[in-house]
């Protein structure tokens, strides 16, 4: 049995690409809660690698959205533009 405290979790700064990518998908209505993390990861990966388009990144996340993919792209793009990442 361990008596040590668990490791501390350090959050990314609010201005980091990781934080902004996951923040950009917070308001997207998604059927499965964990799918939001997958979508955020795909947006982050697209920002990091710049391969393909944002539309392709969202499609490859394979999440079931409650809005159209075009609306999701629009919302994500607005957030990314707000933070000067596009």
N, C-alpha and C. Protein backbone atom coordinates (compact mmCIF):
# COMPACT_ATOMS: atom_id res chain seq x y z
N UNK A 1 0.84 -1.17 0.00
CA UNK A 1 0.00 0.00 0.00
C UNK A 1 0.90 1.24 0.00
N UNK A 2 0.54 2.20 -0.83
CA UNK A 2 1.34 3.42 -0.96
C UNK A 2 0.85 4.49 0.01
N UNK A 3 1.80 5.19 0.61
CA UNK A 3 1.43 6.27 1.52
C UNK A 3 1.78 7.64 0.95
N UNK A 4 2.27 7.65 -0.28
CA UNK A 4 2.62 8.91 -0.90
C UNK A 4 1.39 9.54 -1.55
N UNK A 5 1.41 10.86 -1.59
CA UNK A 5 0.33 11.59 -2.24
C UNK A 5 0.41 11.39 -3.76
N UNK A 6 -0.72 11.48 -4.44
CA UNK A 6 -0.67 11.33 -5.90
C UNK A 6 0.09 12.48 -6.54
N UNK A 7 0.57 12.24 -7.73
CA UNK A 7 1.32 13.27 -8.45
C UNK A 7 0.42 14.46 -8.76
N UNK A 8 1.01 15.64 -8.75
CA UNK A 8 0.25 16.84 -9.06
C UNK A 8 0.02 16.92 -10.57
N UNK A 9 -1.11 17.47 -10.94
CA UNK A 9 -1.45 17.64 -12.34
C UNK A 9 -1.22 19.10 -12.70
N UNK A 10 -0.41 19.33 -13.72
CA UNK A 10 -0.14 20.68 -14.17
C UNK A 10 -0.96 20.94 -15.42
N UNK A 11 -1.77 21.97 -15.38
CA UNK A 11 -2.61 22.32 -16.52
C UNK A 11 -1.82 23.17 -17.50
N UNK A 12 -2.20 23.07 -18.78
CA UNK A 12 -1.57 23.91 -19.79
C UNK A 12 -1.99 25.36 -19.57
N UNK A 13 -1.14 26.32 -19.92
CA UNK A 13 -1.53 27.73 -19.83
C UNK A 13 -2.70 28.03 -20.77
N UNK A 14 -3.49 29.04 -20.45
CA UNK A 14 -4.66 29.38 -21.26
C UNK A 14 -4.30 29.79 -22.68
N UNK A 15 -3.07 30.20 -22.92
CA UNK A 15 -2.66 30.64 -24.25
C UNK A 15 -2.01 29.53 -25.07
N UNK A 16 -1.93 28.33 -24.54
CA UNK A 16 -1.28 27.24 -25.26
C UNK A 16 -2.21 26.70 -26.35
N UNK A 17 -1.60 26.12 -27.36
CA UNK A 17 -2.37 25.54 -28.47
C UNK A 17 -3.28 24.42 -27.96
N UNK A 18 -2.79 23.64 -27.04
CA UNK A 18 -3.58 22.53 -26.50
C UNK A 18 -4.86 23.03 -25.84
N UNK A 19 -4.72 24.05 -24.98
CA UNK A 19 -5.86 24.59 -24.25
C UNK A 19 -6.87 25.21 -25.21
N UNK A 20 -6.39 25.94 -26.21
CA UNK A 20 -7.27 26.61 -27.17
C UNK A 20 -8.00 25.58 -28.03
N UNK A 21 -7.30 24.52 -28.44
CA UNK A 21 -7.93 23.48 -29.27
C UNK A 21 -9.08 22.82 -28.52
N UNK A 22 -8.85 22.47 -27.26
CA UNK A 22 -9.91 21.83 -26.49
C UNK A 22 -11.02 22.82 -26.13
N UNK A 23 -10.67 24.08 -25.93
CA UNK A 23 -11.67 25.11 -25.64
C UNK A 23 -12.55 25.35 -26.87
N UNK A 24 -12.00 25.19 -28.07
CA UNK A 24 -12.77 25.45 -29.29
C UNK A 24 -13.90 24.45 -29.49
N UNK A 25 -13.85 23.31 -28.84
CA UNK A 25 -14.90 22.30 -29.01
C UNK A 25 -15.83 22.21 -27.80
N UNK A 26 -15.63 23.06 -26.80
CA UNK A 26 -16.45 23.00 -25.59
C UNK A 26 -17.94 23.21 -25.85
N UNK A 27 -18.27 24.08 -26.78
CA UNK A 27 -19.68 24.42 -27.00
C UNK A 27 -20.34 23.60 -28.10
N UNK A 28 -19.61 22.68 -28.68
CA UNK A 28 -20.17 21.84 -29.74
C UNK A 28 -21.04 20.76 -29.09
N UNK A 29 -22.33 20.71 -29.46
CA UNK A 29 -23.18 19.66 -28.87
C UNK A 29 -22.84 18.29 -29.46
N UNK A 30 -22.40 17.39 -28.58
CA UNK A 30 -21.94 16.05 -28.99
C UNK A 30 -22.72 15.01 -28.19
N UNK A 31 -23.00 13.90 -28.85
CA UNK A 31 -23.78 12.84 -28.22
C UNK A 31 -23.06 12.18 -27.04
N UNK A 32 -21.79 11.86 -27.22
CA UNK A 32 -21.01 11.18 -26.18
C UNK A 32 -20.04 12.16 -25.52
N UNK A 33 -20.02 12.25 -24.20
CA UNK A 33 -19.13 13.21 -23.53
C UNK A 33 -17.65 12.99 -23.84
N UNK A 34 -17.20 11.75 -23.93
CA UNK A 34 -15.79 11.47 -24.18
C UNK A 34 -15.39 11.81 -25.62
N UNK A 35 -16.36 11.88 -26.51
CA UNK A 35 -16.09 12.21 -27.90
C UNK A 35 -15.58 13.65 -28.02
N UNK A 36 -15.94 14.51 -27.08
CA UNK A 36 -15.45 15.89 -27.09
C UNK A 36 -13.93 15.91 -26.95
N UNK A 37 -13.38 15.03 -26.12
CA UNK A 37 -11.92 14.94 -25.99
C UNK A 37 -11.29 14.48 -27.29
N UNK A 38 -11.93 13.53 -27.95
CA UNK A 38 -11.40 13.03 -29.23
C UNK A 38 -11.44 14.14 -30.27
N UNK A 39 -12.51 14.92 -30.31
CA UNK A 39 -12.61 16.03 -31.26
C UNK A 39 -11.56 17.09 -30.94
N UNK A 40 -11.39 17.41 -29.67
CA UNK A 40 -10.37 18.37 -29.28
C UNK A 40 -8.98 17.91 -29.66
N UNK A 41 -8.72 16.62 -29.51
CA UNK A 41 -7.42 16.07 -29.89
C UNK A 41 -7.19 16.23 -31.39
N UNK A 42 -8.19 15.96 -32.20
CA UNK A 42 -8.04 16.08 -33.64
C UNK A 42 -7.83 17.53 -34.07
N UNK A 43 -8.50 18.45 -33.41
CA UNK A 43 -8.28 19.87 -33.70
C UNK A 43 -6.85 20.26 -33.32
N UNK A 44 -6.41 19.81 -32.14
CA UNK A 44 -5.04 20.10 -31.70
C UNK A 44 -4.02 19.53 -32.68
N UNK A 45 -4.24 18.29 -33.10
CA UNK A 45 -3.31 17.65 -34.03
C UNK A 45 -3.26 18.40 -35.36
N UNK A 46 -4.43 18.87 -35.81
CA UNK A 46 -4.46 19.64 -37.06
C UNK A 46 -3.70 20.95 -36.90
N UNK A 47 -3.87 21.62 -35.75
CA UNK A 47 -3.14 22.87 -35.51
C UNK A 47 -1.64 22.62 -35.45
N UNK A 48 -1.23 21.53 -34.87
CA UNK A 48 0.17 21.20 -34.68
C UNK A 48 0.84 20.79 -35.99
N UNK A 49 0.18 19.94 -36.76
CA UNK A 49 0.80 19.37 -37.96
C UNK A 49 0.46 20.11 -39.24
N UNK A 50 -0.67 20.83 -39.26
CA UNK A 50 -1.14 21.56 -40.45
C UNK A 50 -1.24 20.65 -41.67
N UNK A 51 -1.72 19.43 -41.46
CA UNK A 51 -1.94 18.50 -42.57
C UNK A 51 -3.44 18.43 -42.84
N UNK A 52 -3.81 18.62 -44.10
CA UNK A 52 -5.22 18.55 -44.46
C UNK A 52 -5.95 19.83 -44.08
N UNK A 53 -7.26 19.70 -43.94
CA UNK A 53 -8.10 20.85 -43.60
C UNK A 53 -8.74 20.63 -42.24
N UNK A 54 -9.30 21.69 -41.71
CA UNK A 54 -10.03 21.58 -40.44
C UNK A 54 -11.23 20.67 -40.61
N UNK A 55 -11.88 20.75 -41.75
CA UNK A 55 -13.04 19.89 -42.03
C UNK A 55 -12.64 18.41 -41.99
N UNK A 56 -11.48 18.10 -42.57
CA UNK A 56 -11.00 16.72 -42.56
C UNK A 56 -10.65 16.27 -41.14
N UNK A 57 -10.10 17.15 -40.34
CA UNK A 57 -9.76 16.81 -38.96
C UNK A 57 -11.02 16.50 -38.15
N UNK A 58 -12.06 17.29 -38.36
CA UNK A 58 -13.32 17.06 -37.63
C UNK A 58 -13.97 15.77 -38.10
N UNK A 59 -13.92 15.53 -39.41
CA UNK A 59 -14.49 14.30 -39.95
C UNK A 59 -13.74 13.07 -39.42
N UNK A 60 -12.42 13.16 -39.35
CA UNK A 60 -11.63 12.01 -38.91
C UNK A 60 -11.79 11.73 -37.41
N UNK A 61 -12.29 12.69 -36.65
CA UNK A 61 -12.56 12.45 -35.23
C UNK A 61 -13.71 11.47 -35.06
N UNK A 62 -14.57 11.38 -36.08
CA UNK A 62 -15.67 10.43 -36.09
C UNK A 62 -16.57 10.54 -34.86
N UNK A 63 -17.03 11.75 -34.57
CA UNK A 63 -17.93 11.97 -33.44
C UNK A 63 -19.34 12.21 -33.96
N UNK A 64 -20.33 11.82 -33.17
CA UNK A 64 -21.71 12.08 -33.57
C UNK A 64 -22.13 13.43 -33.01
N UNK A 65 -22.32 14.37 -33.91
CA UNK A 65 -22.65 15.74 -33.55
C UNK A 65 -24.17 15.93 -33.54
N UNK A 66 -24.64 16.86 -32.70
CA UNK A 66 -26.06 17.21 -32.69
C UNK A 66 -26.33 18.38 -33.62
N UNK A 67 -25.30 18.89 -34.27
CA UNK A 67 -25.43 19.95 -35.26
C UNK A 67 -24.72 19.47 -36.52
N UNK A 68 -24.89 20.20 -37.60
CA UNK A 68 -24.22 19.78 -38.84
C UNK A 68 -22.72 19.98 -38.72
N UNK A 69 -21.98 19.26 -39.52
CA UNK A 69 -20.53 19.38 -39.49
C UNK A 69 -20.11 20.78 -39.91
N UNK A 70 -20.85 21.39 -40.83
CA UNK A 70 -20.54 22.74 -41.28
C UNK A 70 -20.66 23.75 -40.13
N UNK A 71 -21.71 23.59 -39.30
CA UNK A 71 -21.87 24.48 -38.14
C UNK A 71 -20.76 24.27 -37.12
N UNK A 72 -20.37 23.01 -36.94
CA UNK A 72 -19.28 22.71 -36.00
C UNK A 72 -17.97 23.34 -36.49
N UNK A 73 -17.71 23.23 -37.78
CA UNK A 73 -16.50 23.83 -38.36
C UNK A 73 -16.54 25.34 -38.15
N UNK A 74 -17.68 25.94 -38.37
CA UNK A 74 -17.82 27.39 -38.22
C UNK A 74 -17.53 27.83 -36.79
N UNK A 75 -18.10 27.12 -35.80
CA UNK A 75 -17.87 27.47 -34.39
C UNK A 75 -16.41 27.30 -33.99
N UNK A 76 -15.82 26.21 -34.41
CA UNK A 76 -14.42 25.94 -34.07
C UNK A 76 -13.52 26.97 -34.73
N UNK A 77 -13.78 27.26 -35.99
CA UNK A 77 -12.99 28.25 -36.73
C UNK A 77 -13.07 29.63 -36.07
N UNK A 78 -14.26 30.02 -35.60
CA UNK A 78 -14.43 31.31 -34.92
C UNK A 78 -13.56 31.39 -33.66
N UNK A 79 -13.55 30.32 -32.89
CA UNK A 79 -12.74 30.31 -31.67
C UNK A 79 -11.25 30.38 -32.00
N UNK A 80 -10.84 29.64 -33.00
CA UNK A 80 -9.43 29.64 -33.38
C UNK A 80 -9.00 31.00 -33.93
N UNK A 81 -9.89 31.64 -34.69
CA UNK A 81 -9.59 32.97 -35.21
C UNK A 81 -9.52 34.00 -34.09
N UNK A 82 -10.37 33.83 -33.08
CA UNK A 82 -10.36 34.73 -31.93
C UNK A 82 -9.01 34.70 -31.21
N UNK A 83 -8.36 33.54 -31.23
CA UNK A 83 -7.05 33.38 -30.59
C UNK A 83 -5.90 33.47 -31.58
N UNK A 84 -6.17 33.96 -32.78
CA UNK A 84 -5.16 34.18 -33.82
C UNK A 84 -4.40 32.92 -34.21
N UNK A 85 -5.09 31.80 -34.28
CA UNK A 85 -4.44 30.56 -34.69
C UNK A 85 -4.75 30.19 -36.14
N UNK A 86 -5.55 31.00 -36.81
CA UNK A 86 -5.83 30.77 -38.23
C UNK A 86 -5.38 31.95 -39.04
